Amino acid sequence: MPAIAYTVIATLPDEPTRSEYVAWLESEHVNLVVKAGAHTAMIVRVEDPVAPPQVEARYIFTTRQEFERYIRDSAPALRAEGLKRFPAQRGIRFERRIGAVV
């Protein structure tokens, strides 16, 4: 059974907001996702395209079951916290991608 790659792409309105978002990921959020079941995680500051500013948080879950457990048990509260800190009203948009690691 293949591992699952889960990517959250944040599109941000400006560089100060991107810096604030990365600081939050580094200090808190990524560790919580790993504690909730991700095997590994990385934060990618997108360089191309340059604008709008984007950040990708990439997580690897060892199995689909671990990923589904994360989505069911932990993701709702973690997403709510992210939306509270970085709401759409601030010009922030989130996309999620899920794929099987080949």
N, C-alpha and C. Protein backbone atom coordinates (compact mmCIF):
# COMPACT_ATOMS: atom_id res chain seq x y z
N MET A 1 0.85 -1.18 0.00
CA MET A 1 0.00 0.00 0.00
C MET A 1 0.90 1.25 0.00
N PRO A 2 0.67 2.17 -0.94
CA PRO A 2 1.56 3.34 -1.04
C PRO A 2 1.33 4.36 0.08
N ALA A 3 2.38 5.08 0.37
CA ALA A 3 2.28 6.21 1.30
C ALA A 3 1.44 7.30 0.64
N ILE A 4 0.91 8.19 1.45
CA ILE A 4 0.07 9.28 0.95
C ILE A 4 0.78 10.61 1.15
N ALA A 5 0.84 11.40 0.09
CA ALA A 5 1.38 12.76 0.15
C ALA A 5 0.19 13.71 0.25
N TYR A 6 0.24 14.57 1.22
CA TYR A 6 -0.83 15.54 1.45
C TYR A 6 -0.19 16.92 1.46
N THR A 7 -0.61 17.77 0.53
CA THR A 7 -0.04 19.10 0.39
C THR A 7 -1.11 20.15 0.60
N VAL A 8 -0.80 21.13 1.43
CA VAL A 8 -1.68 22.28 1.63
C VAL A 8 -0.95 23.49 1.06
N ILE A 9 -1.57 24.13 0.08
CA ILE A 9 -0.99 25.29 -0.58
C ILE A 9 -1.72 26.53 -0.10
N ALA A 10 -0.98 27.45 0.50
CA ALA A 10 -1.55 28.71 0.98
C ALA A 10 -1.11 29.82 0.03
N THR A 11 -2.07 30.54 -0.51
CA THR A 11 -1.80 31.72 -1.32
C THR A 11 -2.10 32.92 -0.43
N LEU A 12 -1.09 33.78 -0.30
CA LEU A 12 -1.13 34.86 0.69
C LEU A 12 -1.08 36.22 0.01
N PRO A 13 -1.60 37.26 0.65
CA PRO A 13 -1.70 38.56 -0.01
C PRO A 13 -0.39 39.33 -0.12
N ASP A 14 0.58 39.03 0.77
CA ASP A 14 1.81 39.82 0.76
C ASP A 14 2.91 39.08 1.53
N GLU A 15 4.13 39.61 1.46
CA GLU A 15 5.27 38.98 2.12
C GLU A 15 5.17 38.98 3.65
N PRO A 16 4.72 40.06 4.29
CA PRO A 16 4.58 40.00 5.75
C PRO A 16 3.63 38.89 6.21
N THR A 17 2.54 38.70 5.48
CA THR A 17 1.60 37.63 5.83
C THR A 17 2.24 36.28 5.60
N ARG A 18 3.01 36.13 4.52
CA ARG A 18 3.70 34.87 4.27
C ARG A 18 4.68 34.57 5.41
N SER A 19 5.43 35.56 5.84
CA SER A 19 6.37 35.35 6.94
C SER A 19 5.65 34.94 8.22
N GLU A 20 4.54 35.57 8.50
CA GLU A 20 3.73 35.23 9.69
C GLU A 20 3.22 33.79 9.58
N TYR A 21 2.76 33.41 8.41
CA TYR A 21 2.23 32.06 8.18
C TYR A 21 3.33 31.01 8.35
N VAL A 22 4.50 31.25 7.77
CA VAL A 22 5.62 30.31 7.89
C VAL A 22 6.03 30.18 9.35
N ALA A 23 6.08 31.28 10.07
CA ALA A 23 6.45 31.24 11.49
C ALA A 23 5.47 30.37 12.28
N TRP A 24 4.19 30.50 11.98
CA TRP A 24 3.17 29.68 12.66
C TRP A 24 3.34 28.21 12.31
N LEU A 25 3.57 27.91 11.02
CA LEU A 25 3.80 26.52 10.63
C LEU A 25 5.00 25.94 11.39
N GLU A 26 6.10 26.68 11.42
CA GLU A 26 7.33 26.20 12.04
C GLU A 26 7.20 26.03 13.54
N SER A 27 6.52 26.94 14.18
CA SER A 27 6.48 26.92 15.64
C SER A 27 5.40 26.01 16.21
N GLU A 28 4.42 25.67 15.40
CA GLU A 28 3.26 25.00 15.99
C GLU A 28 2.62 23.97 15.09
N HIS A 29 2.10 24.41 13.96
CA HIS A 29 1.17 23.60 13.18
C HIS A 29 1.78 22.31 12.64
N VAL A 30 2.94 22.41 12.02
CA VAL A 30 3.55 21.22 11.41
C VAL A 30 3.78 20.13 12.46
N ASN A 31 4.26 20.51 13.62
CA ASN A 31 4.49 19.53 14.69
C ASN A 31 3.20 18.84 15.12
N LEU A 32 2.10 19.59 15.13
CA LEU A 32 0.82 18.99 15.50
C LEU A 32 0.34 17.99 14.46
N VAL A 33 0.58 18.28 13.18
CA VAL A 33 0.19 17.33 12.13
C VAL A 33 1.04 16.07 12.24
N VAL A 34 2.33 16.21 12.51
CA VAL A 34 3.19 15.04 12.68
C VAL A 34 2.73 14.23 13.90
N LYS A 35 2.43 14.88 15.00
CA LYS A 35 1.93 14.17 16.18
C LYS A 35 0.63 13.45 15.87
N ALA A 36 -0.15 13.99 14.94
CA ALA A 36 -1.45 13.41 14.60
C ALA A 36 -1.34 12.29 13.57
N GLY A 37 -0.12 11.99 13.10
CA GLY A 37 0.00 10.83 12.21
C GLY A 37 0.90 10.97 11.00
N ALA A 38 1.29 12.17 10.62
CA ALA A 38 2.18 12.30 9.47
C ALA A 38 3.55 11.74 9.84
N HIS A 39 4.17 11.07 8.88
CA HIS A 39 5.50 10.50 9.09
C HIS A 39 6.57 11.59 8.97
N THR A 40 6.44 12.44 7.97
CA THR A 40 7.38 13.53 7.74
C THR A 40 6.61 14.75 7.25
N ALA A 41 7.28 15.90 7.34
CA ALA A 41 6.67 17.15 6.88
C ALA A 41 7.76 18.08 6.41
N MET A 42 7.39 18.96 5.50
CA MET A 42 8.30 20.02 5.07
C MET A 42 7.50 21.24 4.70
N ILE A 43 8.14 22.39 4.83
CA ILE A 43 7.54 23.66 4.45
C ILE A 43 8.32 24.18 3.25
N VAL A 44 7.59 24.52 2.19
CA VAL A 44 8.22 25.00 0.96
C VAL A 44 7.74 26.41 0.67
N ARG A 45 8.66 27.34 0.61
CA ARG A 45 8.35 28.72 0.22
C ARG A 45 8.46 28.74 -1.30
N VAL A 46 7.34 28.86 -1.99
CA VAL A 46 7.32 28.81 -3.45
C VAL A 46 8.05 30.03 -4.02
N GLU A 47 8.99 29.76 -4.92
CA GLU A 47 9.77 30.83 -5.55
C GLU A 47 9.33 31.15 -6.97
N ASP A 48 8.72 30.19 -7.64
CA ASP A 48 8.28 30.41 -9.01
C ASP A 48 6.92 29.76 -9.18
N PRO A 49 5.87 30.52 -9.37
CA PRO A 49 5.87 31.94 -9.66
C PRO A 49 6.15 32.78 -8.41
N VAL A 50 6.66 33.96 -8.64
CA VAL A 50 7.03 34.87 -7.56
C VAL A 50 5.77 35.44 -6.89
N ALA A 51 4.78 35.77 -7.68
CA ALA A 51 3.56 36.36 -7.13
C ALA A 51 2.36 35.56 -7.63
N PRO A 52 1.37 35.42 -6.81
CA PRO A 52 1.25 35.86 -5.44
C PRO A 52 2.12 34.98 -4.53
N PRO A 53 2.46 35.47 -3.34
CA PRO A 53 3.25 34.67 -2.41
C PRO A 53 2.51 33.38 -2.05
N GLN A 54 3.24 32.26 -2.09
CA GLN A 54 2.65 30.97 -1.73
C GLN A 54 3.59 30.19 -0.83
N VAL A 55 2.99 29.32 -0.03
CA VAL A 55 3.72 28.39 0.81
C VAL A 55 3.03 27.04 0.69
N GLU A 56 3.83 25.99 0.57
CA GLU A 56 3.29 24.63 0.56
C GLU A 56 3.75 23.91 1.83
N ALA A 57 2.82 23.32 2.53
CA ALA A 57 3.14 22.42 3.64
C ALA A 57 2.89 21.02 3.10
N ARG A 58 3.94 20.21 3.06
CA ARG A 58 3.84 18.86 2.50
C ARG A 58 4.03 17.84 3.63
N TYR A 59 3.11 16.91 3.67
CA TYR A 59 3.12 15.88 4.70
C TYR A 59 3.08 14.51 4.03
N ILE A 60 3.81 13.56 4.59
CA ILE A 60 3.76 12.18 4.12
C ILE A 60 3.18 11.33 5.24
N PHE A 61 2.15 10.57 4.89
CA PHE A 61 1.53 9.60 5.80
C PHE A 61 1.90 8.21 5.29
N THR A 62 2.33 7.35 6.18
CA THR A 62 2.83 6.03 5.80
C THR A 62 1.79 5.19 5.09
N THR A 63 0.54 5.28 5.52
CA THR A 63 -0.54 4.51 4.90
C THR A 63 -1.77 5.39 4.69
N ARG A 64 -2.65 4.94 3.83
CA ARG A 64 -3.91 5.66 3.62
C ARG A 64 -4.73 5.64 4.92
N GLN A 65 -4.67 4.56 5.67
CA GLN A 65 -5.42 4.48 6.92
C GLN A 65 -4.95 5.56 7.90
N GLU A 66 -3.63 5.77 7.98
CA GLU A 66 -3.12 6.83 8.86
C GLU A 66 -3.61 8.20 8.40
N PHE A 67 -3.60 8.41 7.09
CA PHE A 67 -4.08 9.68 6.55
C PHE A 67 -5.56 9.86 6.85
N GLU A 68 -6.35 8.83 6.60
CA GLU A 68 -7.79 8.92 6.84
C GLU A 68 -8.10 9.15 8.33
N ARG A 69 -7.31 8.54 9.20
CA ARG A 69 -7.48 8.77 10.64
C ARG A 69 -7.18 10.23 10.97
N TYR A 70 -6.12 10.77 10.37
CA TYR A 70 -5.78 12.18 10.56
C TYR A 70 -6.94 13.07 10.10
N ILE A 71 -7.45 12.81 8.90
CA ILE A 71 -8.55 13.62 8.34
C ILE A 71 -9.78 13.55 9.25
N ARG A 72 -10.08 12.38 9.74
CA ARG A 72 -11.27 12.19 10.57
C ARG A 72 -11.10 12.78 11.98
N ASP A 73 -9.96 12.52 12.62
CA ASP A 73 -9.82 12.82 14.04
C ASP A 73 -9.14 14.15 14.36
N SER A 74 -8.21 14.56 13.52
CA SER A 74 -7.39 15.73 13.87
C SER A 74 -7.54 16.93 12.93
N ALA A 75 -7.75 16.67 11.66
CA ALA A 75 -7.79 17.75 10.68
C ALA A 75 -8.85 18.81 10.97
N PRO A 76 -10.06 18.45 11.36
CA PRO A 76 -11.06 19.50 11.56
C PRO A 76 -10.62 20.58 12.56
N ALA A 77 -10.07 20.19 13.69
CA ALA A 77 -9.64 21.19 14.69
C ALA A 77 -8.42 21.96 14.20
N LEU A 78 -7.47 21.27 13.55
CA LEU A 78 -6.28 21.96 13.05
C LEU A 78 -6.63 22.95 11.94
N ARG A 79 -7.54 22.55 11.06
CA ARG A 79 -7.98 23.48 10.00
C ARG A 79 -8.71 24.68 10.59
N ALA A 80 -9.54 24.44 11.58
CA ALA A 80 -10.28 25.55 12.20
C ALA A 80 -9.31 26.55 12.82
N GLU A 81 -8.26 26.06 13.48
CA GLU A 81 -7.27 26.95 14.07
C GLU A 81 -6.56 27.76 12.98
N GLY A 82 -6.21 27.11 11.87
CA GLY A 82 -5.57 27.82 10.76
C GLY A 82 -6.46 28.89 10.17
N LEU A 83 -7.75 28.58 10.00
CA LEU A 83 -8.68 29.56 9.44
C LEU A 83 -8.94 30.71 10.41
N LYS A 84 -8.87 30.42 11.69
CA LYS A 84 -9.03 31.47 12.70
C LYS A 84 -7.87 32.47 12.62
N ARG A 85 -6.67 31.94 12.49
CA ARG A 85 -5.48 32.80 12.43
C ARG A 85 -5.30 33.46 11.07
N PHE A 86 -5.70 32.74 10.01
CA PHE A 86 -5.47 33.21 8.63
C PHE A 86 -6.76 33.10 7.82
N PRO A 87 -7.73 33.95 8.12
CA PRO A 87 -9.05 33.86 7.47
C PRO A 87 -9.03 34.39 6.03
N ALA A 88 -10.01 33.96 5.29
CA ALA A 88 -10.16 34.40 3.90
C ALA A 88 -10.30 35.92 3.81
N GLN A 89 -10.86 36.54 4.84
CA GLN A 89 -11.03 37.99 4.84
C GLN A 89 -9.69 38.73 4.76
N ARG A 90 -8.62 38.06 5.12
CA ARG A 90 -7.28 38.66 5.03
C ARG A 90 -6.67 38.45 3.64
N GLY A 91 -7.44 37.86 2.74
CA GLY A 91 -6.94 37.63 1.39
C GLY A 91 -6.12 36.36 1.27
N ILE A 92 -6.41 35.36 2.09
CA ILE A 92 -5.67 34.11 2.12
C ILE A 92 -6.56 33.01 1.56
N ARG A 93 -5.96 32.18 0.73
CA ARG A 93 -6.70 31.06 0.11
C ARG A 93 -5.91 29.78 0.31
N PHE A 94 -6.62 28.69 0.63
CA PHE A 94 -5.98 27.39 0.82
C PHE A 94 -6.48 26.40 -0.21
N GLU A 95 -5.55 25.56 -0.71
CA GLU A 95 -5.88 24.44 -1.59
C GLU A 95 -5.22 23.21 -0.99
N ARG A 96 -5.85 22.06 -1.19
CA ARG A 96 -5.28 20.81 -0.70
C ARG A 96 -5.16 19.82 -1.85
N ARG A 97 -4.05 19.06 -1.81
CA ARG A 97 -3.83 18.01 -2.82
C ARG A 97 -3.43 16.74 -2.10
N ILE A 98 -3.95 15.63 -2.59
CA ILE A 98 -3.68 14.33 -2.01
C ILE A 98 -3.21 13.42 -3.14
N GLY A 99 -2.15 12.66 -2.88
CA GLY A 99 -1.67 11.74 -3.91
C GLY A 99 -0.95 10.56 -3.30
N ALA A 100 -0.87 9.50 -4.10
CA ALA A 100 -0.12 8.30 -3.69
C ALA A 100 1.34 8.48 -4.07
N VAL A 101 2.23 8.17 -3.15
CA VAL A 101 3.66 8.26 -3.41
C VAL A 101 4.05 7.07 -4.28
N VAL A 102 4.72 7.35 -5.37
CA VAL A 102 5.10 6.29 -6.33
C VAL A 102 6.49 5.78 -6.01
